[in-house]
Protein backbone atom coordinates (compact mmCIF):
# COMPACT_ATOMS: atom_id res chain seq x y z
CA MET A 1 -201.97 -91.99 -89.86
CA ASN A 2 -198.76 -91.72 -91.16
CA ILE A 3 -197.09 -88.29 -91.77
CA ARG A 4 -196.78 -87.67 -95.41
CA ALA A 5 -193.59 -86.67 -96.88
CA VAL A 6 -193.82 -84.87 -100.20
CA ILE A 7 -190.93 -84.67 -102.29
CA PRO A 8 -190.61 -82.13 -105.24
CA PHE A 9 -188.90 -83.49 -108.45
CA ARG A 10 -188.09 -82.41 -111.78
CA PRO A 11 -186.55 -85.58 -113.69
CA VAL A 12 -185.69 -83.82 -117.02
CA ASN A 13 -182.67 -81.58 -117.15
CA PRO A 14 -182.02 -81.18 -113.33
CA LYS A 15 -179.35 -79.61 -111.78
CA THR A 16 -178.16 -77.61 -114.62
CA ARG A 17 -175.04 -76.04 -112.35
CA LEU A 18 -173.30 -79.28 -112.31
CA SER A 19 -173.28 -79.17 -116.38
CA CYS A 20 -169.56 -78.48 -115.95
CA VAL A 21 -168.91 -82.06 -114.91
CA MET A 22 -171.79 -83.97 -116.06
CA ASN A 23 -173.88 -83.97 -119.20
CA GLN A 24 -177.65 -83.99 -119.43
CA GLU A 25 -178.10 -87.52 -119.12
CA GLU A 26 -175.83 -87.85 -116.20
CA ARG A 27 -177.29 -85.11 -114.31
CA GLU A 28 -180.87 -86.85 -114.74
CA VAL A 29 -179.36 -90.37 -113.58
CA PHE A 30 -177.75 -88.54 -110.56
CA ALA A 31 -180.70 -86.57 -109.53
CA ARG A 32 -182.89 -89.88 -109.73
CA ALA A 33 -179.98 -91.25 -107.29
CA MET A 34 -180.37 -88.74 -105.03
CA LEU A 35 -183.98 -88.92 -104.86
CA ASP A 36 -184.11 -92.78 -104.44
CA ASP A 37 -181.97 -92.12 -101.26
CA VAL A 38 -184.22 -89.41 -99.83
CA VAL A 39 -187.08 -91.70 -100.66
CA LYS A 40 -185.42 -94.46 -98.98
CA VAL A 41 -184.92 -92.41 -95.79
CA THR A 42 -188.21 -90.84 -95.70
CA ASN A 43 -189.90 -94.57 -96.00
CA GLU A 44 -187.45 -95.89 -93.22
CA SER A 45 -188.66 -92.72 -90.84
CA GLY A 46 -192.21 -94.18 -91.26
CA CYS A 47 -193.74 -91.41 -93.55
CA ASP A 48 -195.83 -92.29 -96.52
CA THR A 49 -193.83 -90.57 -99.44
CA ILE A 50 -195.40 -88.65 -102.05
CA LEU A 51 -193.41 -87.60 -105.21
CA LEU A 52 -194.49 -84.25 -106.52
CA SER A 53 -193.09 -84.45 -109.98
CA THR A 54 -192.96 -82.17 -113.04
CA HIS A 55 -192.87 -85.14 -115.72
CA PRO A 56 -194.08 -88.50 -115.35
CA CYS A 57 -191.72 -90.61 -112.97
CA GLN A 58 -192.15 -93.92 -110.94
CA VAL A 59 -190.04 -94.23 -108.11
CA GLU A 60 -190.18 -97.63 -105.72
CA GLY A 61 -191.29 -96.49 -102.53
CA ALA A 62 -193.43 -93.43 -103.44
CA ALA A 63 -196.68 -92.54 -104.90
CA THR A 64 -196.38 -89.95 -107.87
CA ILE A 65 -198.46 -86.95 -108.31
CA LEU A 66 -197.97 -85.20 -111.69
CA LYS A 67 -197.95 -81.40 -111.39
CA GLU A 68 -196.44 -79.66 -114.29
CA SER A 69 -196.60 -76.07 -112.60
CA GLY A 70 -193.69 -74.39 -110.63
CA LEU A 71 -192.53 -75.40 -107.32
CA ASN A 72 -194.47 -72.80 -105.22
CA GLU A 73 -197.68 -73.44 -107.41
CA ALA A 74 -197.41 -77.11 -106.92
CA LEU A 75 -196.72 -77.21 -103.29
CA ASN A 76 -199.68 -74.63 -102.32
CA GLU A 77 -201.97 -76.23 -104.74
CA PHE A 78 -201.10 -79.50 -102.82
CA PHE A 79 -201.68 -77.67 -99.26
CA SER A 80 -205.22 -76.95 -100.36
CA GLU A 81 -205.96 -80.58 -101.39
CA ILE A 82 -204.97 -82.48 -98.03
CA SER A 83 -205.22 -82.33 -94.30
CA GLY A 84 -202.83 -83.78 -91.55
CA PRO A 85 -199.31 -83.27 -90.98
CA LEU A 86 -197.02 -82.74 -93.75
CA LEU A 87 -193.37 -82.73 -94.21
CA ILE A 88 -191.75 -81.33 -97.62
CA ILE A 89 -188.31 -82.24 -97.81
CA MET A 90 -186.13 -81.59 -101.19
CA SER A 91 -184.65 -84.62 -103.63
CA ASP A 92 -181.44 -83.40 -103.41
CA LEU A 93 -180.22 -84.02 -99.64
CA PRO A 94 -178.74 -87.28 -100.33
CA LEU A 95 -176.84 -87.35 -96.73
CA VAL A 96 -180.17 -87.38 -94.95
CA VAL A 97 -180.62 -90.18 -92.62
CA PRO A 98 -183.94 -91.56 -90.62
CA GLU A 99 -182.53 -89.67 -87.34
CA SER A 100 -182.74 -86.51 -89.32
CA VAL A 101 -185.99 -86.60 -90.52
CA ARG A 102 -187.41 -87.97 -87.17
CA LYS A 103 -185.87 -84.66 -85.43
CA ILE A 104 -188.16 -82.68 -87.50
CA ILE A 105 -191.59 -84.50 -87.47
CA SER A 106 -191.17 -85.01 -83.68
CA THR A 107 -191.12 -81.38 -82.93
CA GLU A 108 -193.64 -79.73 -80.46
CA LYS A 109 -194.17 -76.78 -82.47
CA ASP A 110 -196.56 -76.00 -84.77
CA CYS A 111 -193.94 -76.32 -87.81
CA ALA A 112 -190.32 -77.06 -88.06
CA ILE A 113 -187.94 -75.35 -90.81
CA VAL A 114 -184.29 -76.65 -92.13
CA PRO A 115 -182.39 -73.56 -93.46
CA GLY A 116 -180.03 -74.65 -96.18
CA ARG A 117 -177.14 -72.98 -97.39
CA GLY A 118 -177.33 -69.34 -98.74
CA GLY A 119 -180.72 -68.52 -97.35
CA GLY A 120 -182.32 -71.40 -98.58
CA THR A 121 -185.05 -74.02 -97.15
CA ASN A 122 -184.26 -77.39 -97.32
CA ALA A 123 -187.09 -78.92 -95.47
CA ILE A 124 -190.45 -77.68 -93.64
CA PHE A 125 -192.85 -80.01 -91.50
CA VAL A 126 -196.15 -78.41 -90.78
CA LYS A 127 -198.96 -79.85 -88.73
CA ASP A 128 -201.85 -78.31 -90.17
CA PRO A 129 -200.99 -77.48 -94.28
CA ALA A 130 -204.08 -75.14 -94.21
CA LYS A 131 -202.42 -72.67 -92.24
CA PHE A 132 -198.98 -72.27 -94.26
CA HIS A 133 -197.99 -71.77 -97.44
CA VAL A 134 -194.55 -71.78 -99.24
CA ASP A 135 -192.30 -69.00 -101.00
CA PHE A 136 -188.83 -70.93 -102.28
CA TYR A 137 -186.26 -69.50 -104.26
CA GLY A 138 -184.15 -66.46 -102.99
CA ALA A 139 -184.01 -66.02 -99.26
CA SER A 140 -186.85 -68.72 -98.70
CA PHE A 141 -185.93 -69.51 -95.37
CA LEU A 142 -186.35 -65.91 -94.02
CA ASP A 143 -189.45 -65.67 -96.09
CA HIS A 144 -190.73 -69.16 -94.39
CA MET A 145 -190.16 -67.84 -90.76
CA ASN A 146 -192.24 -64.48 -91.50
CA ILE A 147 -194.97 -66.76 -93.15
CA ALA A 148 -195.22 -68.70 -90.00
CA LYS A 149 -194.85 -65.72 -87.93
CA ASP A 150 -198.10 -64.17 -90.01
CA TYR A 151 -200.00 -67.39 -89.36
CA GLY A 152 -199.33 -67.32 -85.79
CA LEU A 153 -197.23 -70.32 -85.84
CA SER A 154 -194.40 -71.38 -83.53
CA VAL A 155 -191.50 -72.58 -85.25
CA GLU A 156 -188.45 -74.88 -84.45
CA VAL A 157 -185.18 -74.03 -86.46
CA VAL A 158 -183.84 -77.32 -87.09
CA ASP A 159 -179.88 -77.33 -87.00
CA SER A 160 -178.71 -80.22 -89.06
CA PHE A 161 -175.44 -80.91 -91.26
CA ARG A 162 -177.11 -83.62 -93.28
CA LEU A 163 -180.57 -81.78 -93.87
CA SER A 164 -178.65 -78.36 -94.74
CA THR A 165 -176.37 -80.08 -97.36
CA ASP A 166 -178.15 -79.70 -100.60
CA ILE A 167 -176.19 -80.69 -103.84
CA ASP A 168 -176.32 -77.86 -106.44
CA GLU A 169 -172.60 -76.95 -107.27
CA LYS A 170 -169.61 -79.19 -108.18
CA GLU A 171 -168.10 -78.13 -104.89
CA ASP A 172 -171.04 -80.02 -103.24
CA LEU A 173 -170.11 -83.05 -104.82
CA VAL A 174 -167.30 -83.27 -101.97
CA GLU A 175 -169.78 -83.75 -99.02
CA ILE A 176 -171.27 -86.70 -100.83
CA ILE A 177 -167.87 -88.86 -101.44
CA LEU A 178 -166.94 -87.89 -97.89
CA HIS A 179 -170.08 -88.51 -95.95
CA GLY A 180 -172.46 -90.07 -98.27
CA LYS A 181 -173.35 -93.96 -98.33
CA GLY A 182 -176.18 -94.42 -100.78
CA LYS A 183 -177.09 -94.83 -104.63
CA SER A 184 -175.67 -90.99 -104.94
CA ARG A 185 -171.97 -91.83 -103.79
CA ASP A 186 -171.98 -95.21 -106.01
CA TYR A 187 -173.12 -93.07 -109.23
CA LEU A 188 -170.36 -90.46 -108.59
CA LYS A 189 -167.79 -93.22 -108.17
CA LYS A 190 -169.18 -94.85 -111.16
CA LEU A 191 -168.61 -91.45 -113.33
CA GLY A 192 -165.05 -91.56 -112.10
CA ILE A 193 -165.51 -88.46 -109.64
CA SER A 194 -163.16 -88.63 -106.75
CA LEU A 195 -161.58 -86.16 -104.47
CA SER A 196 -158.68 -84.23 -105.31
CA LEU A 197 -156.69 -81.66 -103.51
CA GLU A 198 -156.74 -77.85 -104.80
CA LYS A 199 -154.57 -75.42 -103.23
CA GLY A 200 -154.89 -77.04 -99.95
CA ARG A 201 -158.50 -77.38 -100.27
CA VAL A 202 -160.58 -80.59 -101.03
CA GLY A 203 -162.29 -80.51 -104.47
CA ILE A 204 -163.24 -83.33 -106.91
CA ASN A 205 -161.79 -84.59 -109.92
CA ARG A 206 -163.41 -86.56 -112.95
CA SER A 207 -161.19 -89.18 -114.47
CA PRO A 208 -161.08 -88.46 -118.22
CA HIS A 209 -161.46 -91.91 -119.45
CA LYS A 210 -164.87 -92.17 -117.86
């Protein structure tokens, strides 16, 4: 049996912190492009990909389960409905590559956790979902480490640039332009978003005619 990879996704009005550079329609297309990049990688990694979506959404290469509840509630409810190894991976990780996913799911520990920047959690692999629950938002990395400890689970913390780079802020788009290769980067180029040098630091600029 292949490992299931679950990707939570909100297709309507996502990534509001990018409103300074994209309107709602553009953010929705961009979020979908990032999702497509992640789905492609989970499938190439040998996982069975499941989309846990807040609204009806069809993605090639993934089965869709509609759950309108919040992130934690939806995932923990899903945990109670299945058995077997499970990977949770966020939809805004467009730099991820198959090697990154294989590193997580090949852990010899009971679970593997990938920290995001700023104390968040970008991916979790658990061999027995019945012995785990999620608590995203805030300092979720520390919360998930403590949850694993409470369940008596061994944990591998996976240090990965590509998995730790989630896209939330305008400045994060720099990483896609520098290191991305998929639909996400193509869409940024279509919008006229490119690199710029601002006071000695690399930033992004959007062409006004786009």
